[in-house]
Amino acid sequence: MSSKFSLPTEAKKSSKSVDTAALEAFTAGAKDRRQGLGQRPWDEHDQNEAPKHNVSIRLNEYHLEMLRYLSKSMDISQQKILRKHVLPVIEELAEETYKEANK
């Protein structure tokens, strides 16, 4: 059984011809639809916008107690500690991953 997206074989070719070059260009563009725009997925957002989304992180008691200790010792919230130290890692990893994917 063939896929409904496969090209017709010579024996089963319909009256309509398929422009294989256009089809290949379309599928290549479908891999990364932003690649042609030269825009990373996060470029459409303001980096300095106030946070409005929450993300859960599962911690065991050991790491949670460390976070609590840091928060109390530094007199800042647990969220601020995580934002200060996790966001730079996320940004660096996203940049590296994007560069690798778009070589």
PDB file of N, CA and C in Angstrom:
ATOM      1  N   MET A   1       0.850  -1.184   0.000  1.00  0.00           N
ATOM      2  CA  MET A   1       0.000   0.000   0.000  1.00  0.00           C
ATOM      3  C   MET A   1       0.886   1.234   0.000  1.00  0.00           C
ATOM      4  N   SER A   2       0.590   2.175  -0.838  1.00  0.00           N
ATOM      5  CA  SER A   2       1.406   3.383  -0.897  1.00  0.00           C
ATOM      6  C   SER A   2       0.756   4.499  -0.092  1.00  0.00           C
ATOM      7  N   SER A   3       1.601   5.433   0.288  1.00  0.00           N
ATOM      8  CA  SER A   3       1.131   6.580   1.057  1.00  0.00           C
ATOM      9  C   SER A   3       0.371   7.527   0.135  1.00  0.00           C
ATOM     10  N   LYS A   4      -0.591   8.235   0.697  1.00  0.00           N
ATOM     11  CA  LYS A   4      -1.325   9.201  -0.131  1.00  0.00           C
ATOM     12  C   LYS A   4      -0.443  10.387  -0.495  1.00  0.00           C
ATOM     13  N   PHE A   5       0.745  10.457   0.125  1.00  0.00           N
ATOM     14  CA  PHE A   5       1.653  11.560  -0.166  1.00  0.00           C
ATOM     15  C   PHE A   5       2.795  11.152  -1.090  1.00  0.00           C
ATOM     16  N   SER A   6       2.825   9.902  -1.515  1.00  0.00           N
ATOM     17  CA  SER A   6       3.899   9.445  -2.391  1.00  0.00           C
ATOM     18  C   SER A   6       3.637   9.881  -3.831  1.00  0.00           C
ATOM     19  N   LEU A   7       4.710   9.975  -4.586  1.00  0.00           N
ATOM     20  CA  LEU A   7       4.586  10.340  -5.996  1.00  0.00           C
ATOM     21  C   LEU A   7       4.049   9.155  -6.787  1.00  0.00           C
ATOM     22  N   PRO A   8       3.251   9.408  -7.800  1.00  0.00           N
ATOM     23  CA  PRO A   8       2.732   8.297  -8.600  1.00  0.00           C
ATOM     24  C   PRO A   8       3.849   7.637  -9.398  1.00  0.00           C
ATOM     25  N   THR A   9       3.778   6.327  -9.566  1.00  0.00           N
ATOM     26  CA  THR A   9       4.759   5.618 -10.385  1.00  0.00           C
ATOM     27  C   THR A   9       4.418   5.871 -11.850  1.00  0.00           C
ATOM     28  N   GLU A  10       5.363   5.579 -12.712  1.00  0.00           N
ATOM     29  CA  GLU A  10       5.146   5.800 -14.152  1.00  0.00           C
ATOM     30  C   GLU A  10       3.913   5.038 -14.652  1.00  0.00           C
ATOM     31  N   ALA A  11       3.722   3.837 -14.142  1.00  0.00           N
ATOM     32  CA  ALA A  11       2.593   3.018 -14.600  1.00  0.00           C
ATOM     33  C   ALA A  11       1.255   3.581 -14.133  1.00  0.00           C
ATOM     34  N   LYS A  12       1.232   4.204 -12.967  1.00  0.00           N
ATOM     35  CA  LYS A  12      -0.018   4.706 -12.406  1.00  0.00           C
ATOM     36  C   LYS A  12      -0.144   6.219 -12.512  1.00  0.00           C
ATOM     37  N   LYS A  13       0.690   6.861 -13.272  1.00  0.00           N
ATOM     38  CA  LYS A  13       0.692   8.321 -13.344  1.00  0.00           C
ATOM     39  C   LYS A  13      -0.652   8.843 -13.836  1.00  0.00           C
ATOM     40  N   SER A  14      -1.157   9.819 -13.125  1.00  0.00           N
ATOM     41  CA  SER A  14      -2.436  10.398 -13.524  1.00  0.00           C
ATOM     42  C   SER A  14      -2.221  11.395 -14.655  1.00  0.00           C
ATOM     43  N   SER A  15      -3.289  11.986 -15.109  1.00  0.00           N
ATOM     44  CA  SER A  15      -3.198  12.954 -16.188  1.00  0.00           C
ATOM     45  C   SER A  15      -2.494  14.232 -15.736  1.00  0.00           C
ATOM     46  N   LYS A  16      -2.492  14.510 -14.426  1.00  0.00           N
ATOM     47  CA  LYS A  16      -1.796  15.690 -13.908  1.00  0.00           C
ATOM     48  C   LYS A  16      -0.351  15.327 -13.626  1.00  0.00           C
ATOM     49  N   SER A  17       0.564  16.158 -14.093  1.00  0.00           N
ATOM     50  CA  SER A  17       1.975  15.869 -13.820  1.00  0.00           C
ATOM     51  C   SER A  17       2.386  16.539 -12.510  1.00  0.00           C
ATOM     52  N   VAL A  18       3.339  15.933 -11.850  1.00  0.00           N
ATOM     53  CA  VAL A  18       3.826  16.440 -10.578  1.00  0.00           C
ATOM     54  C   VAL A  18       5.164  17.129 -10.807  1.00  0.00           C
ATOM     55  N   ASP A  19       5.263  18.365 -10.375  1.00  0.00           N
ATOM     56  CA  ASP A  19       6.525  19.100 -10.462  1.00  0.00           C
ATOM     57  C   ASP A  19       7.392  18.655  -9.283  1.00  0.00           C
ATOM     58  N   THR A  20       8.284  17.694  -9.530  1.00  0.00           N
ATOM     59  CA  THR A  20       9.072  17.118  -8.438  1.00  0.00           C
ATOM     60  C   THR A  20      10.007  18.142  -7.805  1.00  0.00           C
ATOM     61  N   ALA A  21      10.522  19.075  -8.575  1.00  0.00           N
ATOM     62  CA  ALA A  21      11.399  20.101  -8.007  1.00  0.00           C
ATOM     63  C   ALA A  21      10.627  20.987  -7.019  1.00  0.00           C
ATOM     64  N   ALA A  22       9.409  21.355  -7.392  1.00  0.00           N
ATOM     65  CA  ALA A  22       8.585  22.169  -6.499  1.00  0.00           C
ATOM     66  C   ALA A  22       8.197  21.380  -5.257  1.00  0.00           C
ATOM     67  N   LEU A  23       7.904  20.096  -5.431  1.00  0.00           N
ATOM     68  CA  LEU A  23       7.553  19.248  -4.297  1.00  0.00           C
ATOM     69  C   LEU A  23       8.733  19.110  -3.335  1.00  0.00           C
ATOM     70  N   GLU A  24       9.931  18.913  -3.863  1.00  0.00           N
ATOM     71  CA  GLU A  24      11.122  18.807  -3.016  1.00  0.00           C
ATOM     72  C   GLU A  24      11.403  20.116  -2.295  1.00  0.00           C
ATOM     73  N   ALA A  25      11.223  21.240  -2.963  1.00  0.00           N
ATOM     74  CA  ALA A  25      11.419  22.546  -2.328  1.00  0.00           C
ATOM     75  C   ALA A  25      10.409  22.755  -1.206  1.00  0.00           C
ATOM     76  N   PHE A  26       9.174  22.315  -1.441  1.00  0.00           N
ATOM     77  CA  PHE A  26       8.134  22.432  -0.417  1.00  0.00           C
ATOM     78  C   PHE A  26       8.471  21.605   0.803  1.00  0.00           C
ATOM     79  N   THR A  27       8.865  20.353   0.603  1.00  0.00           N
ATOM     80  CA  THR A  27       9.169  19.485   1.740  1.00  0.00           C
ATOM     81  C   THR A  27      10.410  19.947   2.482  1.00  0.00           C
ATOM     82  N   ALA A  28      11.380  20.489   1.777  1.00  0.00           N
ATOM     83  CA  ALA A  28      12.570  21.015   2.451  1.00  0.00           C
ATOM     84  C   ALA A  28      12.184  22.203   3.321  1.00  0.00           C
ATOM     85  N   GLY A  29      11.299  23.041   2.842  1.00  0.00           N
ATOM     86  CA  GLY A  29      10.838  24.194   3.610  1.00  0.00           C
ATOM     87  C   GLY A  29       9.973  23.791   4.786  1.00  0.00           C
ATOM     88  N   ALA A  30       9.310  22.658   4.677  1.00  0.00           N
ATOM     89  CA  ALA A  30       8.452  22.192   5.769  1.00  0.00           C
ATOM     90  C   ALA A  30       9.265  21.735   6.969  1.00  0.00           C
ATOM     91  N   LYS A  31      10.521  21.339   6.744  1.00  0.00           N
ATOM     92  CA  LYS A  31      11.378  20.926   7.858  1.00  0.00           C
ATOM     93  C   LYS A  31      11.515  22.052   8.869  1.00  0.00           C
ATOM     94  N   ASP A  32      11.829  23.219   8.387  1.00  0.00           N
ATOM     95  CA  ASP A  32      11.951  24.371   9.274  1.00  0.00           C
ATOM     96  C   ASP A  32      11.346  25.564   8.562  1.00  0.00           C
ATOM     97  N   ARG A  33      10.090  25.811   8.852  1.00  0.00           N
ATOM     98  CA  ARG A  33       9.381  26.857   8.118  1.00  0.00           C
ATOM     99  C   ARG A  33       9.930  28.242   8.396  1.00  0.00           C
ATOM    100  N   ARG A  34      10.670  28.406   9.468  1.00  0.00           N
ATOM    101  CA  ARG A  34      11.246  29.713   9.782  1.00  0.00           C
ATOM    102  C   ARG A  34      12.606  29.912   9.137  1.00  0.00           C
ATOM    103  N   GLN A  35      13.207  28.843   8.663  1.00  0.00           N
ATOM    104  CA  GLN A  35      14.555  28.938   8.120  1.00  0.00           C
ATOM    105  C   GLN A  35      14.630  29.957   6.988  1.00  0.00           C
ATOM    106  N   GLY A  36      13.651  29.985   6.122  1.00  0.00           N
ATOM    107  CA  GLY A  36      13.650  30.935   5.024  1.00  0.00           C
ATOM    108  C   GLY A  36      13.541  32.374   5.504  1.00  0.00           C
ATOM    109  N   LEU A  37      12.934  32.586   6.666  1.00  0.00           N
ATOM    110  CA  LEU A  37      12.788  33.917   7.216  1.00  0.00           C
ATOM    111  C   LEU A  37      14.028  34.359   7.975  1.00  0.00           C
ATOM    112  N   GLY A  38      14.920  33.402   8.285  1.00  0.00           N
ATOM    113  CA  GLY A  38      16.107  33.719   9.055  1.00  0.00           C
ATOM    114  C   GLY A  38      15.763  34.124  10.478  1.00  0.00           C
ATOM    115  N   GLN A  39      14.679  33.601  10.983  1.00  0.00           N
ATOM    116  CA  GLN A  39      14.198  33.993  12.306  1.00  0.00           C
ATOM    117  C   GLN A  39      14.115  32.776  13.209  1.00  0.00           C
ATOM    118  N   ARG A  40      14.667  32.926  14.409  1.00  0.00           N
ATOM    119  CA  ARG A  40      14.570  31.861  15.400  1.00  0.00           C
ATOM    120  C   ARG A  40      13.174  31.905  16.013  1.00  0.00           C
ATOM    121  N   PRO A  41      12.682  30.775  16.504  1.00  0.00           N
ATOM    122  CA  PRO A  41      11.312  30.746  17.035  1.00  0.00           C
ATOM    123  C   PRO A  41      11.063  31.755  18.154  1.00  0.00           C
ATOM    124  N   TRP A  42      12.045  32.064  18.940  1.00  0.00           N
ATOM    125  CA  TRP A  42      11.857  32.975  20.067  1.00  0.00           C
ATOM    126  C   TRP A  42      12.056  34.443  19.690  1.00  0.00           C
ATOM    127  N   ASP A  43      12.463  34.735  18.455  1.00  0.00           N
ATOM    128  CA  ASP A  43      12.675  36.120  18.039  1.00  0.00           C
ATOM    129  C   ASP A  43      11.392  36.932  17.944  1.00  0.00           C
ATOM    130  N   GLU A  44      10.261  36.265  17.848  1.00  0.00           N
ATOM    131  CA  GLU A  44       8.996  36.989  17.737  1.00  0.00           C
ATOM    132  C   GLU A  44       8.496  37.497  19.089  1.00  0.00           C
ATOM    133  N   HIS A  45       9.228  37.165  20.154  1.00  0.00           N
ATOM    134  CA  HIS A  45       8.832  37.579  21.502  1.00  0.00           C
ATOM    135  C   HIS A  45       9.834  38.581  22.075  1.00  0.00           C
ATOM    136  N   ASP A  46       9.372  39.398  23.000  1.00  0.00           N
ATOM    137  CA  ASP A  46      10.214  40.389  23.664  1.00  0.00           C
ATOM    138  C   ASP A  46      10.921  39.741  24.843  1.00  0.00           C
ATOM    139  N   GLN A  47      12.242  39.749  24.810  1.00  0.00           N
ATOM    140  CA  GLN A  47      13.041  39.134  25.863  1.00  0.00           C
ATOM    141  C   GLN A  47      12.821  39.805  27.220  1.00  0.00           C
ATOM    142  N   ASN A  48      12.483  41.057  27.210  1.00  0.00           N
ATOM    143  CA  ASN A  48      12.335  41.819  28.446  1.00  0.00           C
ATOM    144  C   ASN A  48      10.895  41.897  28.959  1.00  0.00           C
ATOM    145  N   GLU A  49       9.999  41.191  28.310  1.00  0.00           N
ATOM    146  CA  GLU A  49       8.610  41.162  28.741  1.00  0.00           C
ATOM    147  C   GLU A  49       8.509  40.521  30.128  1.00  0.00           C
ATOM    148  N   ALA A  50       7.593  41.011  30.921  1.00  0.00           N
ATOM    149  CA  ALA A  50       7.389  40.458  32.263  1.00  0.00           C
ATOM    150  C   ALA A  50       6.957  38.996  32.161  1.00  0.00           C
ATOM    151  N   PRO A  51       7.480  38.136  33.034  1.00  0.00           N
ATOM    152  CA  PRO A  51       7.096  36.722  32.997  1.00  0.00           C
ATOM    153  C   PRO A  51       5.610  36.536  33.292  1.00  0.00           C
ATOM    154  N   LYS A  52       4.979  35.641  32.531  1.00  0.00           N
ATOM    155  CA  LYS A  52       3.558  35.377  32.762  1.00  0.00           C
ATOM    156  C   LYS A  52       3.222  33.894  32.679  1.00  0.00           C
ATOM    157  N   HIS A  53       4.239  33.048  32.534  1.00  0.00           N
ATOM    158  CA  HIS A  53       4.018  31.605  32.446  1.00  0.00           C
ATOM    159  C   HIS A  53       4.796  30.898  33.548  1.00  0.00           C
ATOM    160  N   ASN A  54       4.237  29.809  34.040  1.00  0.00           N
ATOM    161  CA  ASN A  54       4.900  28.988  35.047  1.00  0.00           C
ATOM    162  C   ASN A  54       5.288  27.653  34.428  1.00  0.00           C
ATOM    163  N   VAL A  55       6.408  27.119  34.904  1.00  0.00           N
ATOM    164  CA  VAL A  55       6.857  25.806  34.493  1.00  0.00           C
ATOM    165  C   VAL A  55       7.184  25.031  35.752  1.00  0.00           C
ATOM    166  N   SER A  56       6.691  23.822  35.842  1.00  0.00           N
ATOM    167  CA  SER A  56       6.972  22.994  37.012  1.00  0.00           C
ATOM    168  C   SER A  56       8.321  22.310  36.854  1.00  0.00           C
ATOM    169  N   ILE A  57       9.007  22.190  37.942  1.00  0.00           N
ATOM    170  CA  ILE A  57      10.241  21.413  37.958  1.00  0.00           C
ATOM    171  C   ILE A  57      10.156  20.462  39.141  1.00  0.00           C
ATOM    172  N   ARG A  58      10.382  19.211  38.860  1.00  0.00           N
ATOM    173  CA  ARG A  58      10.274  18.196  39.920  1.00  0.00           C
ATOM    174  C   ARG A  58      11.628  18.088  40.609  1.00  0.00           C
ATOM    175  N   LEU A  59      11.629  18.261  41.917  1.00  0.00           N
ATOM    176  CA  LEU A  59      12.850  18.150  42.713  1.00  0.00           C
ATOM    177  C   LEU A  59      12.648  17.094  43.793  1.00  0.00           C
ATOM    178  N   ASN A  60      13.713  16.430  44.131  1.00  0.00           N
ATOM    179  CA  ASN A  60      13.626  15.534  45.283  1.00  0.00           C
ATOM    180  C   ASN A  60      13.871  16.377  46.540  1.00  0.00           C
ATOM    181  N   GLU A  61      13.714  15.769  47.696  1.00  0.00           N
ATOM    182  CA  GLU A  61      13.866  16.504  48.960  1.00  0.00           C
ATOM    183  C   GLU A  61      15.262  17.113  49.096  1.00  0.00           C
ATOM    184  N   TYR A  62      16.247  16.392  48.639  1.00  0.00           N
ATOM    185  CA  TYR A  62      17.633  16.846  48.715  1.00  0.00           C
ATOM    186  C   TYR A  62      17.821  18.189  48.008  1.00  0.00           C
ATOM    187  N   HIS A  63      17.402  18.266  46.736  1.00  0.00           N
ATOM    188  CA  HIS A  63      17.566  19.494  45.957  1.00  0.00           C
ATOM    189  C   HIS A  63      16.607  20.596  46.407  1.00  0.00           C
ATOM    190  N   LEU A  64      15.424  20.209  46.814  1.00  0.00           N
ATOM    191  CA  LEU A  64      14.481  21.203  47.314  1.00  0.00           C
ATOM    192  C   LEU A  64      15.025  21.871  48.570  1.00  0.00           C
ATOM    193  N   GLU A  65      15.613  21.088  49.439  1.00  0.00           N
ATOM    194  CA  GLU A  65      16.185  21.655  50.660  1.00  0.00           C
ATOM    195  C   GLU A  65      17.363  22.573  50.338  1.00  0.00           C
ATOM    196  N   MET A  66      18.130  22.231  49.322  1.00  0.00           N
ATOM    197  CA  MET A  66      19.218  23.116  48.872  1.00  0.00           C
ATOM    198  C   MET A  66      18.659  24.449  48.384  1.00  0.00           C
ATOM    199  N   LEU A  67      17.599  24.372  47.586  1.00  0.00           N
ATOM    200  CA  LEU A  67      16.980  25.592  47.066  1.00  0.00           C
ATOM    201  C   LEU A  67      16.418  26.438  48.199  1.00  0.00           C
ATOM    202  N   ARG A  68      15.782  25.803  49.153  1.00  0.00           N
ATOM    203  CA  ARG A  68      15.273  26.529  50.318  1.00  0.00           C
ATOM    204  C   ARG A  68      16.412  27.202  51.085  1.00  0.00           C
ATOM    205  N   TYR A  69      17.490  26.467  51.277  1.00  0.00           N
ATOM    206  CA  TYR A  69      18.644  27.011  51.987  1.00  0.00           C
ATOM    207  C   TYR A  69      19.196  28.240  51.255  1.00  0.00           C
ATOM    208  N   LEU A  70      19.369  28.116  49.950  1.00  0.00           N
ATOM    209  CA  LEU A  70      19.870  29.247  49.166  1.00  0.00           C
ATOM    210  C   LEU A  70      18.950  30.448  49.281  1.00  0.00           C
ATOM    211  N   SER A  71      17.668  30.193  49.172  1.00  0.00           N
ATOM    212  CA  SER A  71      16.693  31.275  49.246  1.00  0.00           C
ATOM    213  C   SER A  71      16.776  32.002  50.583  1.00  0.00           C
ATOM    214  N   LYS A  72      16.842  31.231  51.643  1.00  0.00           N
ATOM    215  CA  LYS A  72      16.911  31.829  52.981  1.00  0.00           C
ATOM    216  C   LYS A  72      18.251  32.541  53.188  1.00  0.00           C
ATOM    217  N   SER A  73      19.340  31.919  52.791  1.00  0.00           N
ATOM    218  CA  SER A  73      20.676  32.492  52.984  1.00  0.00           C
ATOM    219  C   SER A  73      20.883  33.767  52.172  1.00  0.00           C
ATOM    220  N   MET A  74      20.351  33.783  50.974  1.00  0.00           N
ATOM    221  CA  MET A  74      20.547  34.926  50.083  1.00  0.00           C
ATOM    222  C   MET A  74      19.431  35.955  50.232  1.00  0.00           C
ATOM    223  N   ASP A  75      18.407  35.592  50.966  1.00  0.00           N
ATOM    224  CA  ASP A  75      17.248  36.452  51.197  1.00  0.00           C
ATOM    225  C   ASP A  75      16.574  36.876  49.884  1.00  0.00           C
ATOM    226  N   ILE A  76      16.428  35.903  48.997  1.00  0.00           N
ATOM    227  CA  ILE A  76      15.684  36.123  47.750  1.00  0.00           C
ATOM    228  C   ILE A  76      14.800  34.908  47.505  1.00  0.00           C
ATOM    229  N   SER A  77      13.813  35.073  46.677  1.00  0.00           N
ATOM    230  CA  SER A  77      12.856  33.993  46.444  1.00  0.00           C
ATOM    231  C   SER A  77      13.494  32.838  45.672  1.00  0.00           C
ATOM    232  N   GLN A  78      12.890  31.681  45.824  1.00  0.00           N
ATOM    233  CA  GLN A  78      13.340  30.504  45.090  1.00  0.00           C
ATOM    234  C   GLN A  78      13.203  30.721  43.587  1.00  0.00           C
ATOM    235  N   GLN A  79      12.118  31.370  43.191  1.00  0.00           N
ATOM    236  CA  GLN A  79      11.915  31.650  41.760  1.00  0.00           C
ATOM    237  C   GLN A  79      13.023  32.539  41.206  1.00  0.00           C
ATOM    238  N   LYS A  80      13.416  33.549  41.956  1.00  0.00           N
ATOM    239  CA  LYS A  80      14.475  34.450  41.479  1.00  0.00           C
ATOM    240  C   LYS A  80      15.805  33.719  41.353  1.00  0.00           C
ATOM    241  N   ILE A  81      16.077  32.811  42.275  1.00  0.00           N
ATOM    242  CA  ILE A  81      17.300  32.019  42.179  1.00  0.00           C
ATOM    243  C   ILE A  81      17.278  31.174  40.910  1.00  0.00           C
ATOM    244  N   LEU A  82      16.167  30.487  40.687  1.00  0.00           N
ATOM    245  CA  LEU A  82      16.055  29.647  39.494  1.00  0.00           C
ATOM    246  C   LEU A  82      16.152  30.477  38.211  1.00  0.00           C
ATOM    247  N   ARG A  83      15.451  31.601  38.163  1.00  0.00           N
ATOM    248  CA  ARG A  83      15.498  32.460  36.965  1.00  0.00           C
ATOM    249  C   ARG A  83      16.912  32.956  36.703  1.00  0.00           C
ATOM    250  N   LYS A  84      17.600  33.366  37.759  1.00  0.00           N
ATOM    251  CA  LYS A  84      18.946  33.921  37.601  1.00  0.00           C
ATOM    252  C   LYS A  84      19.923  32.885  37.066  1.00  0.00           C
ATOM    253  N   HIS A  85      19.768  31.628  37.487  1.00  0.00           N
ATOM    254  CA  HIS A  85      20.754  30.621  37.132  1.00  0.00           C
ATOM    255  C   HIS A  85      20.309  29.660  36.033  1.00  0.00           C
ATOM    256  N   VAL A  86      19.024  29.486  35.850  1.00  0.00           N
ATOM    257  CA  VAL A  86      18.541  28.548  34.843  1.00  0.00           C
ATOM    258  C   VAL A  86      18.366  29.225  33.480  1.00  0.00           C
ATOM    259  N   LEU A  87      17.847  30.439  33.452  1.00  0.00           N
ATOM    260  CA  LEU A  87      17.600  31.104  32.165  1.00  0.00           C
ATOM    261  C   LEU A  87      18.855  31.267  31.317  1.00  0.00           C
ATOM    262  N   PRO A  88      19.999  31.660  31.880  1.00  0.00           N
ATOM    263  CA  PRO A  88      21.202  31.742  31.029  1.00  0.00           C
ATOM    264  C   PRO A  88      21.580  30.391  30.397  1.00  0.00           C
ATOM    265  N   VAL A  89      21.374  29.319  31.133  1.00  0.00           N
ATOM    266  CA  VAL A  89      21.669  27.990  30.593  1.00  0.00           C
ATOM    267  C   VAL A  89      20.699  27.651  29.458  1.00  0.00           C
ATOM    268  N   ILE A  90      19.415  27.951  29.649  1.00  0.00           N
ATOM    269  CA  ILE A  90      18.416  27.706  28.603  1.00  0.00           C
ATOM    270  C   ILE A  90      18.745  28.508  27.346  1.00  0.00           C
ATOM    271  N   GLU A  91      19.095  29.777  27.517  1.00  0.00           N
ATOM    272  CA  GLU A  91      19.422  30.629  26.371  1.00  0.00           C
ATOM    273  C   GLU A  91      20.640  30.102  25.617  1.00  0.00           C
ATOM    274  N   GLU A  92      21.670  29.720  26.347  1.00  0.00           N
ATOM    275  CA  GLU A  92      22.882  29.203  25.709  1.00  0.00           C
ATOM    276  C   GLU A  92      22.602  27.898  24.970  1.00  0.00           C
ATOM    277  N   LEU A  93      21.879  26.999  25.603  1.00  0.00           N
ATOM    278  CA  LEU A  93      21.548  25.726  24.981  1.00  0.00           C
ATOM    279  C   LEU A  93      20.672  25.913  23.743  1.00  0.00           C
ATOM    280  N   ALA A  94      19.715  26.830  23.803  1.00  0.00           N
ATOM    281  CA  ALA A  94      18.843  27.096  22.644  1.00  0.00           C
ATOM    282  C   ALA A  94      19.656  27.654  21.480  1.00  0.00           C
ATOM    283  N   GLU A  95      20.566  28.576  21.754  1.00  0.00           N
ATOM    284  CA  GLU A  95      21.410  29.153  20.692  1.00  0.00           C
ATOM    285  C   GLU A  95      22.284  28.078  20.050  1.00  0.00           C
ATOM    286  N   GLU A  96      22.933  27.260  20.869  1.00  0.00           N
ATOM    287  CA  GLU A  96      23.792  26.198  20.348  1.00  0.00           C
ATOM    288  C   GLU A  96      22.997  25.198  19.525  1.00  0.00           C
ATOM    289  N   THR A  97      21.842  24.805  20.028  1.00  0.00           N
ATOM    290  CA  THR A  97      21.004  23.833  19.325  1.00  0.00           C
ATOM    291  C   THR A  97      20.507  24.391  18.001  1.00  0.00           C
ATOM    292  N   TYR A  98      20.114  25.665  17.996  1.00  0.00           N
ATOM    293  CA  TYR A  98      19.631  26.294  16.772  1.00  0.00           C
ATOM    294  C   TYR A  98      20.739  26.379  15.729  1.00  0.00           C
ATOM    295  N   LYS A  99      21.943  26.761  16.170  1.00  0.00           N
ATOM    296  CA  LYS A  99      23.079  26.854  15.227  1.00  0.00           C
ATOM    297  C   LYS A  99      23.395  25.492  14.623  1.00  0.00           C
ATOM    298  N   GLU A 100      23.397  24.444  15.460  1.00  0.00           N
ATOM    299  CA  GLU A 100      23.675  23.088  14.978  1.00  0.00           C
ATOM    300  C   GLU A 100      22.604  22.638  13.988  1.00  0.00           C
ATOM    301  N   ALA A 101      21.361  22.932  14.267  1.00  0.00           N
ATOM    302  CA  ALA A 101      20.261  22.484  13.415  1.00  0.00           C
ATOM    303  C   ALA A 101      20.218  23.239  12.092  1.00  0.00           C
ATOM    304  N   ASN A 102      20.830  24.408  12.023  1.00  0.00           N
ATOM    305  CA  ASN A 102      20.749  25.234  10.810  1.00  0.00           C
ATOM    306  C   ASN A 102      22.089  25.425  10.141  1.00  0.00           C
ATOM    307  N   LYS A 103      22.975  24.451  10.259  1.00  0.00           N
ATOM    308  CA  LYS A 103      24.281  24.527   9.574  1.00  0.00           C
ATOM    309  C   LYS A 103      24.126  24.284   8.105  1.00  0.00           C
TER     310      LYS A 103
END
